[in-house]
Amino acid sequence: MSSRLPARKKPQPKLSALLGVGLDAKDGHKRVTQGEKFAIVGGSSETHERMTEGVVKTMEQLQRKGKELEDAEPEEIADLLRKNLPGKK
């Protein structure tokens, strides 16, 4: 007879902030935008603006659902970000 206890699932870490990093800047500008629970750094002007807008929309949608970033499941956040951060146009 084994005296082993059942394995416990590790608690899923909660997200407390989002970080967006743009890598396509070629103009030498250092772009940084910070919000209450996010930071966007780098990127071309277009990329930085698109990332910032997408993250702000995501945070607003969570707020309308009555959720904070740390209350939402990672999959929900990822889905919202995919919807709000479209590819280059």
Protein backbone atom coordinates (compact mmCIF):
# COMPACT_ATOMS: atom_id res chain seq x y z
CA MET A 1 0.00 0.00 0.00
CA SER A 2 1.38 3.39 -0.97
CA SER A 3 1.37 6.35 1.39
CA ARG A 4 1.70 8.90 -1.41
CA LEU A 5 -0.66 11.84 -1.35
CA PRO A 6 -2.48 12.84 -4.54
CA ALA A 7 -0.61 15.37 -6.64
CA ARG A 8 -1.81 18.93 -6.20
CA LYS A 9 -2.18 21.26 -9.11
CA LYS A 10 -0.01 24.31 -8.88
CA PRO A 11 -2.07 27.48 -8.76
CA GLN A 12 -2.15 29.34 -12.06
CA PRO A 13 -0.16 32.58 -11.71
CA LYS A 14 -2.30 35.68 -12.11
CA LEU A 15 -1.37 38.40 -14.57
CA SER A 16 -0.92 41.73 -12.87
CA ALA A 17 0.40 43.72 -15.82
CA LEU A 18 0.85 43.50 -19.59
CA LEU A 19 4.05 44.40 -21.39
CA GLY A 20 4.13 45.12 -25.13
CA VAL A 21 7.48 45.34 -26.92
CA GLY A 22 7.82 46.68 -30.46
CA LEU A 23 10.97 45.75 -32.33
CA ASP A 24 10.53 47.50 -35.67
CA ALA A 25 11.73 51.05 -34.82
CA LYS A 26 14.38 52.36 -37.19
CA ASP A 27 14.16 56.06 -36.39
CA GLY A 28 16.07 56.05 -33.08
CA HIS A 29 13.11 57.25 -31.00
CA LYS A 30 12.55 55.64 -27.62
CA ARG A 31 8.80 55.23 -27.21
CA VAL A 32 7.31 54.33 -23.83
CA THR A 33 3.63 54.41 -22.88
CA GLN A 34 2.53 53.37 -19.41
CA GLY A 35 -0.94 52.73 -18.06
CA GLU A 36 -2.19 51.53 -14.71
CA LYS A 37 -1.54 47.87 -15.53
CA PHE A 38 0.41 47.94 -18.77
CA ALA A 39 3.51 49.28 -20.46
CA ILE A 40 4.28 49.54 -24.17
CA VAL A 41 7.91 50.08 -25.18
CA GLY A 42 9.64 50.49 -28.51
CA GLY A 43 8.33 49.98 -31.97
CA SER A 44 7.84 52.32 -34.88
CA SER A 45 5.35 55.14 -34.39
CA GLU A 46 2.65 53.10 -36.17
CA THR A 47 3.35 49.88 -34.24
CA HIS A 48 3.55 51.64 -30.89
CA GLU A 49 0.25 53.42 -31.50
CA ARG A 50 -1.47 50.21 -32.65
CA MET A 51 -0.22 48.25 -29.62
CA THR A 52 -1.26 51.01 -27.21
CA GLU A 53 -4.73 51.29 -28.72
CA GLY A 54 -5.21 47.52 -28.64
CA VAL A 55 -4.17 47.16 -25.01
CA VAL A 56 -6.34 50.11 -23.93
CA LYS A 57 -9.34 48.54 -25.71
CA THR A 58 -8.62 45.21 -24.02
CA MET A 59 -8.48 46.83 -20.58
CA GLU A 60 -11.73 48.72 -21.27
CA GLN A 61 -13.47 45.50 -22.34
CA LEU A 62 -12.35 43.74 -19.16
CA GLN A 63 -13.62 46.68 -17.12
CA ARG A 64 -17.03 46.53 -18.86
CA LYS A 65 -17.18 42.85 -17.86
CA GLY A 66 -16.50 43.88 -14.27
CA LYS A 67 -13.05 42.28 -14.23
CA GLU A 68 -9.59 43.40 -13.36
CA LEU A 69 -6.60 42.05 -15.26
CA GLU A 70 -5.71 39.69 -12.43
CA ASP A 71 -9.29 38.31 -12.31
CA ALA A 72 -9.39 37.30 -15.99
CA GLU A 73 -8.17 33.96 -17.28
CA PRO A 74 -5.03 34.16 -19.45
CA GLU A 75 -6.99 32.65 -22.36
CA GLU A 76 -9.62 35.41 -22.12
CA ILE A 77 -6.94 38.10 -22.14
CA ALA A 78 -5.20 36.47 -25.10
CA ASP A 79 -8.49 36.32 -27.04
CA LEU A 80 -9.23 39.98 -26.38
CA LEU A 81 -5.71 41.00 -27.38
CA ARG A 82 -5.97 39.03 -30.64
CA LYS A 83 -9.21 40.83 -31.47
CA ASN A 84 -7.88 44.24 -30.51
CA LEU A 85 -4.37 43.99 -31.99
CA PRO A 86 -4.94 43.37 -35.68
CA GLY A 87 -1.98 42.74 -37.95
CA LYS A 88 -0.41 45.44 -40.10
CA LYS A 89 -2.79 47.10 -42.49
